[in-house]
Amino acid sequence: GRERKTVSIGIVSSLITKDIQKGENAKETVLSAIETNMNPGKISGIAPLLNLFGEVVGVNLGSQSDTSRVLPVEILKQQMALLSAGSAKGSN
């Protein structure tokens, strides 16, 4: 059959944050996950989460019951940079 491309509308139900210690008396709060009400039955594989401007703000990597956990794009960029740096070191 022919694959159809679709877009679903959902609601961000919560932003999951964590505190990271930055020095002795300083900490930074970072976004660690986005929880949405995306219908898991409609998502196959990895699906991007877009904002109203069509920009990718996260990637849905799986779901539990009626909610999906989305990895923020900032974390993905950090991990890709670490992987790239690691592979560059290994190629020497």
N, C-alpha and C. Protein backbone atom coordinates (compact mmCIF):
# COMPACT_ATOMS: atom_id res chain seq x y z
N GLY A 1 0.80 -1.18 0.00
CA GLY A 1 0.00 0.00 0.00
C GLY A 1 0.86 1.26 0.00
N ARG A 2 0.19 2.32 -0.24
CA ARG A 2 0.85 3.63 -0.28
C ARG A 2 0.86 4.23 1.11
N GLU A 3 2.00 4.75 1.54
CA GLU A 3 2.12 5.37 2.85
C GLU A 3 1.60 6.80 2.81
N ARG A 4 0.75 7.13 3.79
CA ARG A 4 0.22 8.49 3.88
C ARG A 4 0.95 9.24 4.98
N LYS A 5 1.26 10.49 4.74
CA LYS A 5 1.91 11.33 5.73
C LYS A 5 0.84 12.14 6.44
N THR A 6 0.87 12.13 7.76
CA THR A 6 -0.15 12.83 8.53
C THR A 6 0.49 13.67 9.63
N VAL A 7 -0.27 14.58 10.17
CA VAL A 7 0.14 15.39 11.30
C VAL A 7 -0.96 15.29 12.35
N SER A 8 -0.58 15.10 13.60
CA SER A 8 -1.54 15.06 14.70
C SER A 8 -1.36 16.27 15.59
N ILE A 9 -2.43 16.72 16.18
CA ILE A 9 -2.37 17.82 17.13
C ILE A 9 -2.48 17.24 18.53
N GLY A 10 -1.62 17.70 19.41
CA GLY A 10 -1.65 17.21 20.79
C GLY A 10 -1.39 18.35 21.76
N ILE A 11 -1.40 18.01 23.00
CA ILE A 11 -1.18 18.99 24.07
C ILE A 11 0.02 18.57 24.88
N VAL A 12 0.90 19.53 25.18
CA VAL A 12 1.99 19.26 26.11
C VAL A 12 1.38 19.27 27.51
N SER A 13 1.44 18.13 28.17
CA SER A 13 0.80 18.03 29.48
C SER A 13 1.75 18.38 30.62
N SER A 14 3.06 18.19 30.41
CA SER A 14 4.02 18.62 31.44
C SER A 14 5.42 18.71 30.88
N LEU A 15 6.21 19.54 31.52
CA LEU A 15 7.63 19.66 31.21
C LEU A 15 8.38 19.07 32.40
N ILE A 16 9.20 18.09 32.14
CA ILE A 16 9.93 17.41 33.21
C ILE A 16 11.33 18.00 33.26
N THR A 17 11.69 18.54 34.41
CA THR A 17 12.99 19.20 34.56
C THR A 17 13.82 18.49 35.61
N LYS A 18 15.11 18.77 35.60
CA LYS A 18 15.98 18.29 36.67
C LYS A 18 17.02 19.36 36.95
N ASP A 19 17.49 19.39 38.18
CA ASP A 19 18.51 20.35 38.60
C ASP A 19 19.89 19.73 38.44
N ILE A 20 20.80 20.50 37.87
CA ILE A 20 22.19 20.08 37.69
C ILE A 20 23.06 21.01 38.51
N GLN A 21 23.91 20.44 39.33
CA GLN A 21 24.81 21.23 40.17
C GLN A 21 25.87 21.88 39.30
N LYS A 22 26.00 23.20 39.42
CA LYS A 22 27.00 23.97 38.66
C LYS A 22 27.87 24.71 39.66
N GLY A 23 28.84 24.05 40.22
CA GLY A 23 29.69 24.68 41.23
C GLY A 23 29.15 24.44 42.62
N GLU A 24 29.79 25.06 43.59
CA GLU A 24 29.46 24.80 44.99
C GLU A 24 28.09 25.33 45.39
N ASN A 25 27.75 26.53 44.97
CA ASN A 25 26.49 27.14 45.39
C ASN A 25 25.54 27.45 44.24
N ALA A 26 25.77 26.87 43.10
CA ALA A 26 24.94 27.19 41.94
C ALA A 26 24.39 25.91 41.32
N LYS A 27 23.17 26.02 40.85
CA LYS A 27 22.59 24.91 40.10
C LYS A 27 21.79 25.47 38.93
N GLU A 28 21.59 24.61 37.96
CA GLU A 28 20.85 25.00 36.76
C GLU A 28 19.72 24.01 36.55
N THR A 29 18.55 24.50 36.24
CA THR A 29 17.41 23.63 35.94
C THR A 29 17.34 23.45 34.43
N VAL A 30 17.34 22.20 33.98
CA VAL A 30 17.29 21.90 32.55
C VAL A 30 16.07 21.04 32.23
N LEU A 31 15.59 21.18 31.03
CA LEU A 31 14.47 20.38 30.55
C LEU A 31 14.98 18.99 30.20
N SER A 32 14.41 17.95 30.84
CA SER A 32 14.88 16.59 30.56
C SER A 32 13.90 15.78 29.73
N ALA A 33 12.62 16.17 29.73
CA ALA A 33 11.63 15.46 28.92
C ALA A 33 10.38 16.32 28.78
N ILE A 34 9.62 16.04 27.76
CA ILE A 34 8.33 16.69 27.52
C ILE A 34 7.30 15.58 27.50
N GLU A 35 6.23 15.74 28.24
CA GLU A 35 5.16 14.73 28.23
C GLU A 35 3.99 15.27 27.43
N THR A 36 3.50 14.46 26.50
CA THR A 36 2.40 14.90 25.64
C THR A 36 1.28 13.86 25.66
N ASN A 37 0.17 14.23 25.06
CA ASN A 37 -0.95 13.29 24.94
C ASN A 37 -1.04 12.72 23.53
N MET A 38 0.09 12.61 22.83
CA MET A 38 0.07 12.04 21.48
C MET A 38 -0.48 10.63 21.53
N ASN A 39 -1.29 10.30 20.56
CA ASN A 39 -1.89 8.97 20.49
C ASN A 39 -0.84 7.95 20.07
N PRO A 40 -0.44 7.05 20.98
CA PRO A 40 0.62 6.10 20.63
C PRO A 40 0.25 5.17 19.49
N GLY A 41 -1.04 4.94 19.27
CA GLY A 41 -1.46 4.07 18.18
C GLY A 41 -1.24 4.70 16.81
N LYS A 42 -1.10 6.01 16.76
CA LYS A 42 -0.91 6.72 15.50
C LYS A 42 0.56 6.95 15.17
N ILE A 43 1.46 6.64 16.11
CA ILE A 43 2.88 6.91 15.91
C ILE A 43 3.60 5.60 15.62
N SER A 44 4.32 5.57 14.52
CA SER A 44 5.14 4.39 14.23
C SER A 44 6.58 4.85 14.09
N GLY A 45 7.43 4.35 14.94
CA GLY A 45 8.83 4.73 14.91
C GLY A 45 9.07 6.05 15.61
N ILE A 46 10.12 6.71 15.25
CA ILE A 46 10.51 7.97 15.87
C ILE A 46 9.74 9.10 15.19
N ALA A 47 9.10 9.94 16.02
CA ALA A 47 8.27 11.02 15.47
C ALA A 47 8.68 12.36 16.07
N PRO A 48 8.84 13.39 15.25
CA PRO A 48 9.20 14.70 15.79
C PRO A 48 8.01 15.39 16.45
N LEU A 49 8.30 16.22 17.45
CA LEU A 49 7.31 17.09 18.07
C LEU A 49 7.62 18.49 17.57
N LEU A 50 6.64 19.13 16.94
CA LEU A 50 6.82 20.45 16.35
C LEU A 50 6.09 21.50 17.18
N ASN A 51 6.64 22.72 17.17
CA ASN A 51 5.92 23.83 17.80
C ASN A 51 5.02 24.47 16.74
N LEU A 52 4.35 25.56 17.12
CA LEU A 52 3.43 26.22 16.19
C LEU A 52 4.10 26.79 14.95
N PHE A 53 5.42 26.97 14.99
CA PHE A 53 6.16 27.53 13.87
C PHE A 53 6.75 26.44 12.98
N GLY A 54 6.46 25.16 13.29
CA GLY A 54 6.97 24.06 12.50
C GLY A 54 8.39 23.67 12.84
N GLU A 55 8.93 24.18 13.95
CA GLU A 55 10.29 23.85 14.37
C GLU A 55 10.26 22.60 15.25
N VAL A 56 11.24 21.72 15.05
CA VAL A 56 11.34 20.51 15.87
C VAL A 56 11.81 20.91 17.26
N VAL A 57 11.01 20.58 18.28
CA VAL A 57 11.38 20.89 19.66
C VAL A 57 11.70 19.63 20.45
N GLY A 58 11.41 18.47 19.86
CA GLY A 58 11.70 17.21 20.53
C GLY A 58 11.40 16.04 19.61
N VAL A 59 11.77 14.85 20.09
CA VAL A 59 11.54 13.64 19.32
C VAL A 59 10.89 12.60 20.22
N ASN A 60 9.75 12.08 19.79
CA ASN A 60 9.04 11.04 20.53
C ASN A 60 9.75 9.72 20.29
N LEU A 61 10.22 9.11 21.37
CA LEU A 61 10.95 7.86 21.25
C LEU A 61 10.13 6.66 21.72
N GLY A 62 8.93 6.88 22.18
CA GLY A 62 8.09 5.79 22.66
C GLY A 62 6.96 6.33 23.50
N SER A 63 6.09 5.46 23.92
CA SER A 63 4.94 5.92 24.70
C SER A 63 4.56 4.89 25.75
N GLN A 64 3.84 5.39 26.75
CA GLN A 64 3.29 4.55 27.81
C GLN A 64 1.84 4.93 27.96
N SER A 65 0.96 4.00 27.88
CA SER A 65 -0.49 4.20 27.99
C SER A 65 -0.94 5.35 27.10
N ASP A 66 -1.52 6.40 27.67
CA ASP A 66 -2.06 7.50 26.87
C ASP A 66 -1.11 8.67 26.72
N THR A 67 0.10 8.58 27.26
CA THR A 67 1.04 9.69 27.17
C THR A 67 2.32 9.24 26.47
N SER A 68 3.01 10.21 25.93
CA SER A 68 4.29 9.96 25.27
C SER A 68 5.35 10.81 25.93
N ARG A 69 6.53 10.26 26.10
CA ARG A 69 7.66 11.02 26.58
C ARG A 69 8.48 11.43 25.37
N VAL A 70 8.77 12.71 25.31
CA VAL A 70 9.50 13.28 24.18
C VAL A 70 10.84 13.80 24.68
N LEU A 71 11.91 13.45 23.99
CA LEU A 71 13.24 13.93 24.32
C LEU A 71 13.43 15.31 23.69
N PRO A 72 13.74 16.34 24.50
CA PRO A 72 13.92 17.69 23.95
C PRO A 72 15.07 17.73 22.94
N VAL A 73 14.93 18.56 21.94
CA VAL A 73 15.92 18.65 20.87
C VAL A 73 17.28 19.11 21.40
N GLU A 74 17.31 19.91 22.48
CA GLU A 74 18.58 20.36 23.05
C GLU A 74 19.40 19.17 23.55
N ILE A 75 18.74 18.21 24.17
CA ILE A 75 19.44 17.01 24.66
C ILE A 75 19.95 16.19 23.48
N LEU A 76 19.14 16.06 22.45
CA LEU A 76 19.58 15.33 21.25
C LEU A 76 20.82 15.97 20.63
N LYS A 77 20.83 17.30 20.56
CA LYS A 77 21.99 18.00 19.99
C LYS A 77 23.24 17.77 20.83
N GLN A 78 23.09 17.81 22.16
CA GLN A 78 24.23 17.57 23.05
C GLN A 78 24.77 16.15 22.85
N GLN A 79 23.87 15.17 22.78
CA GLN A 79 24.29 13.79 22.61
C GLN A 79 24.97 13.57 21.25
N MET A 80 24.44 14.20 20.22
CA MET A 80 25.06 14.07 18.89
C MET A 80 26.47 14.67 18.89
N ALA A 81 26.64 15.80 19.59
CA ALA A 81 27.97 16.41 19.68
C ALA A 81 28.94 15.49 20.41
N LEU A 82 28.47 14.86 21.49
CA LEU A 82 29.32 13.92 22.23
C LEU A 82 29.69 12.72 21.37
N LEU A 83 28.72 12.21 20.63
CA LEU A 83 28.99 11.07 19.75
C LEU A 83 29.98 11.45 18.65
N SER A 84 29.81 12.63 18.09
CA SER A 84 30.72 13.09 17.03
C SER A 84 32.13 13.26 17.56
N ALA A 85 32.23 13.86 18.76
CA ALA A 85 33.56 14.06 19.37
C ALA A 85 34.21 12.71 19.66
N GLY A 86 33.43 11.75 20.13
CA GLY A 86 33.96 10.42 20.43
C GLY A 86 34.41 9.69 19.20
N SER A 87 33.65 9.80 18.12
CA SER A 87 34.04 9.12 16.88
C SER A 87 35.24 9.80 16.24
N ALA A 88 35.38 11.11 16.42
CA ALA A 88 36.56 11.81 15.88
C ALA A 88 37.81 11.38 16.62
N LYS A 89 37.71 11.18 17.93
CA LYS A 89 38.86 10.71 18.71
C LYS A 89 39.24 9.30 18.31
N GLY A 90 38.24 8.46 18.04
CA GLY A 90 38.49 7.06 17.68
C GLY A 90 39.06 6.89 16.29
N SER A 91 38.94 7.91 15.43
CA SER A 91 39.44 7.76 14.06
C SER A 91 40.89 8.14 13.92
N ASN A 92 41.52 8.60 15.00
CA ASN A 92 42.95 8.96 14.94
C ASN A 92 43.84 7.77 15.05
